[in-house]
């Protein structure tokens, strides 16, 4: 499930550079295309989709970083401030390459590449 484009304004209002994929790429593009775009730009993917983290983890890639939202309500008014806190708290890990999973209770960080 894609996250709403309203995240862009929410994050930008808090000083975090953001763009929604539909504004830069084909909505029907395969996940690999989105991930390549993010990796080339040093961008962090914010998603509700498990596929992005799986792609990064299973390929042994060191990026791009992914923040995976695992909550029932994925709108900014429900979990937005938690996401902003996680982005700031884990900015160093995200800059180096990480998968960060966020839910209503906690966040978990896995440094990339994921080792078996």
C-alpha atoms as a PDB file:
ATOM      1  CA  UNK A   1       0.000   0.000   0.000  1.00  0.00           C
ATOM      2  CA  UNK A   2       1.361   3.380  -0.962  1.00  0.00           C
ATOM      3  CA  UNK A   3       1.523   6.193   1.552  1.00  0.00           C
ATOM      4  CA  UNK A   4      -0.532   9.292   0.883  1.00  0.00           C
ATOM      5  CA  UNK A   5       1.086  12.261  -0.859  1.00  0.00           C
ATOM      6  CA  UNK A   6       0.070  14.392   2.151  1.00  0.00           C
ATOM      7  CA  UNK A   7       3.223  13.059   3.807  1.00  0.00           C
ATOM      8  CA  UNK A   8       5.290  15.363   1.573  1.00  0.00           C
ATOM      9  CA  UNK A   9       3.776  18.549   3.015  1.00  0.00           C
ATOM     10  CA  UNK A  10       3.810  17.142   6.527  1.00  0.00           C
ATOM     11  CA  UNK A  11       7.522  16.301   6.378  1.00  0.00           C
ATOM     12  CA  UNK A  12       8.477  19.475   4.507  1.00  0.00           C
ATOM     13  CA  UNK A  13       6.714  21.582   7.151  1.00  0.00           C
ATOM     14  CA  UNK A  14       9.025  19.959   9.703  1.00  0.00           C
ATOM     15  CA  UNK A  15      12.186  20.679   7.740  1.00  0.00           C
ATOM     16  CA  UNK A  16      12.554  17.262   6.145  1.00  0.00           C
ATOM     17  CA  UNK A  17      13.067  17.155   2.386  1.00  0.00           C
ATOM     18  CA  UNK A  18      10.440  14.899   0.830  1.00  0.00           C
ATOM     19  CA  UNK A  19       9.004  13.928  -2.543  1.00  0.00           C
ATOM     20  CA  UNK A  20       6.270  11.459  -3.457  1.00  0.00           C
ATOM     21  CA  UNK A  21       7.138   8.897  -6.119  1.00  0.00           C
ATOM     22  CA  UNK A  22       4.132   9.868  -8.256  1.00  0.00           C
ATOM     23  CA  UNK A  23       5.743  13.303  -8.716  1.00  0.00           C
ATOM     24  CA  UNK A  24       9.035  11.915 -10.054  1.00  0.00           C
ATOM     25  CA  UNK A  25       8.324   8.499 -11.575  1.00  0.00           C
ATOM     26  CA  UNK A  26       5.806   6.178 -13.152  1.00  0.00           C
ATOM     27  CA  UNK A  27       3.248   4.921 -10.633  1.00  0.00           C
ATOM     28  CA  UNK A  28       3.372   1.505 -12.355  1.00  0.00           C
ATOM     29  CA  UNK A  29       7.161   1.219 -12.134  1.00  0.00           C
ATOM     30  CA  UNK A  30       8.501  -1.908 -10.467  1.00  0.00           C
ATOM     31  CA  UNK A  31       9.807  -1.592  -6.924  1.00  0.00           C
ATOM     32  CA  UNK A  32      13.357  -2.026  -8.189  1.00  0.00           C
ATOM     33  CA  UNK A  33      13.024   1.204 -10.195  1.00  0.00           C
ATOM     34  CA  UNK A  34      11.958   3.175  -7.123  1.00  0.00           C
ATOM     35  CA  UNK A  35      14.782   1.686  -5.091  1.00  0.00           C
ATOM     36  CA  UNK A  36      17.368   2.471  -7.784  1.00  0.00           C
ATOM     37  CA  UNK A  37      16.110   6.075  -7.954  1.00  0.00           C
ATOM     38  CA  UNK A  38      16.375   6.427  -4.167  1.00  0.00           C
ATOM     39  CA  UNK A  39      19.836   4.821  -4.040  1.00  0.00           C
ATOM     40  CA  UNK A  40      21.188   7.120  -6.771  1.00  0.00           C
ATOM     41  CA  UNK A  41      20.004  10.186  -4.862  1.00  0.00           C
ATOM     42  CA  UNK A  42      20.820   9.060  -1.342  1.00  0.00           C
ATOM     43  CA  UNK A  43      17.103   9.220  -0.537  1.00  0.00           C
ATOM     44  CA  UNK A  44      15.329   7.291   2.201  1.00  0.00           C
ATOM     45  CA  UNK A  45      12.203   5.379   1.217  1.00  0.00           C
ATOM     46  CA  UNK A  46       9.215   5.871   3.519  1.00  0.00           C
ATOM     47  CA  UNK A  47       6.731   3.074   2.939  1.00  0.00           C
ATOM     48  CA  UNK A  48       3.994   0.887   4.314  1.00  0.00           C
ATOM     49  CA  UNK A  49       4.941  -1.814   1.814  1.00  0.00           C
ATOM     50  CA  UNK A  50       7.051  -4.733   3.050  1.00  0.00           C
ATOM     51  CA  UNK A  51       8.522  -5.280  -0.419  1.00  0.00           C
ATOM     52  CA  UNK A  52      11.055  -2.439  -0.194  1.00  0.00           C
ATOM     53  CA  UNK A  53      12.720  -3.723   2.959  1.00  0.00           C
ATOM     54  CA  UNK A  54      12.698  -7.245   1.583  1.00  0.00           C
ATOM     55  CA  UNK A  55      14.369  -6.097  -1.649  1.00  0.00           C
ATOM     56  CA  UNK A  56      17.152  -4.345   0.224  1.00  0.00           C
ATOM     57  CA  UNK A  57      17.626  -7.157   2.734  1.00  0.00           C
ATOM     58  CA  UNK A  58      17.592 -10.100   0.343  1.00  0.00           C
ATOM     59  CA  UNK A  59      19.913  -8.550  -2.208  1.00  0.00           C
ATOM     60  CA  UNK A  60      22.561  -7.726   0.378  1.00  0.00           C
ATOM     61  CA  UNK A  61      22.475  -4.099  -0.752  1.00  0.00           C
ATOM     62  CA  UNK A  62      23.807  -1.324   1.445  1.00  0.00           C
ATOM     63  CA  UNK A  63      21.048   1.028   0.370  1.00  0.00           C
ATOM     64  CA  UNK A  64      18.841   2.797  -0.071  1.00  0.00           C
ATOM     65  CA  UNK A  65      17.651   3.138   3.477  1.00  0.00           C
ATOM     66  CA  UNK A  66      14.011   2.331   4.142  1.00  0.00           C
ATOM     67  CA  UNK A  67      11.670   3.486   6.894  1.00  0.00           C
ATOM     68  CA  UNK A  68       8.843   0.994   7.046  1.00  0.00           C
ATOM     69  CA  UNK A  69       5.614   2.101   8.752  1.00  0.00           C
ATOM     70  CA  UNK A  70       3.846  -0.840  10.381  1.00  0.00           C
ATOM     71  CA  UNK A  71       0.706   0.726  11.807  1.00  0.00           C
ATOM     72  CA  UNK A  72      -3.002   0.460  11.095  1.00  0.00           C
ATOM     73  CA  UNK A  73      -3.394   4.192  10.558  1.00  0.00           C
ATOM     74  CA  UNK A  74      -0.543   5.401   8.363  1.00  0.00           C
ATOM     75  CA  UNK A  75      -1.639   9.012   8.020  1.00  0.00           C
ATOM     76  CA  UNK A  76       0.539  11.802   9.385  1.00  0.00           C
ATOM     77  CA  UNK A  77      -2.031  12.880  11.975  1.00  0.00           C
ATOM     78  CA  UNK A  78      -1.804   9.411  13.548  1.00  0.00           C
ATOM     79  CA  UNK A  79       1.890   8.505  13.350  1.00  0.00           C
ATOM     80  CA  UNK A  80       3.584  11.486  11.733  1.00  0.00           C
ATOM     81  CA  UNK A  81       5.355  12.907  14.777  1.00  0.00           C
ATOM     82  CA  UNK A  82       6.700   9.422  15.562  1.00  0.00           C
ATOM     83  CA  UNK A  83       8.097   9.179  12.030  1.00  0.00           C
ATOM     84  CA  UNK A  84       9.726  12.603  12.301  1.00  0.00           C
ATOM     85  CA  UNK A  85      11.322  11.601  15.621  1.00  0.00           C
ATOM     86  CA  UNK A  86      12.624   8.362  14.117  1.00  0.00           C
ATOM     87  CA  UNK A  87      14.028  10.153  11.063  1.00  0.00           C
ATOM     88  CA  UNK A  88      15.896  12.582  13.318  1.00  0.00           C
ATOM     89  CA  UNK A  89      16.982  10.045  15.942  1.00  0.00           C
ATOM     90  CA  UNK A  90      18.317   7.570  13.389  1.00  0.00           C
ATOM     91  CA  UNK A  91      19.601  10.054  10.794  1.00  0.00           C
ATOM     92  CA  UNK A  92      23.186   8.762  11.001  1.00  0.00           C
ATOM     93  CA  UNK A  93      22.144   5.134  10.478  1.00  0.00           C
ATOM     94  CA  UNK A  94      19.814   6.137   7.631  1.00  0.00           C
ATOM     95  CA  UNK A  95      22.622   8.107   5.971  1.00  0.00           C
ATOM     96  CA  UNK A  96      24.865   5.028   6.093  1.00  0.00           C
ATOM     97  CA  UNK A  97      22.193   2.480   5.138  1.00  0.00           C
ATOM     98  CA  UNK A  98      19.504   0.993   7.372  1.00  0.00           C
ATOM     99  CA  UNK A  99      16.044  -0.459   7.537  1.00  0.00           C
ATOM    100  CA  UNK A 100      14.006   1.182  10.279  1.00  0.00           C
ATOM    101  CA  UNK A 101      10.653  -0.313  11.191  1.00  0.00           C
ATOM    102  CA  UNK A 102       8.216   1.930  13.054  1.00  0.00           C
ATOM    103  CA  UNK A 103       4.974   0.947  14.731  1.00  0.00           C
ATOM    104  CA  UNK A 104       2.738   2.558  17.327  1.00  0.00           C
ATOM    105  CA  UNK A 105       4.990   1.339  20.151  1.00  0.00           C
ATOM    106  CA  UNK A 106       8.620   1.352  19.042  1.00  0.00           C
ATOM    107  CA  UNK A 107      11.154   1.502  16.254  1.00  0.00           C
ATOM    108  CA  UNK A 108      13.752  -1.085  15.291  1.00  0.00           C
ATOM    109  CA  UNK A 109      16.908  -0.488  13.259  1.00  0.00           C
ATOM    110  CA  UNK A 110      18.799  -2.960  11.062  1.00  0.00           C
ATOM    111  CA  UNK A 111      22.045  -1.695   9.585  1.00  0.00           C
ATOM    112  CA  UNK A 112      22.662  -2.528   5.918  1.00  0.00           C
ATOM    113  CA  UNK A 113      23.697  -4.727   4.373  1.00  0.00           C
ATOM    114  CA  UNK A 114      21.667  -7.338   6.242  1.00  0.00           C
ATOM    115  CA  UNK A 115      23.920 -10.284   7.069  1.00  0.00           C
ATOM    116  CA  UNK A 116      22.618 -13.822   7.379  1.00  0.00           C
END
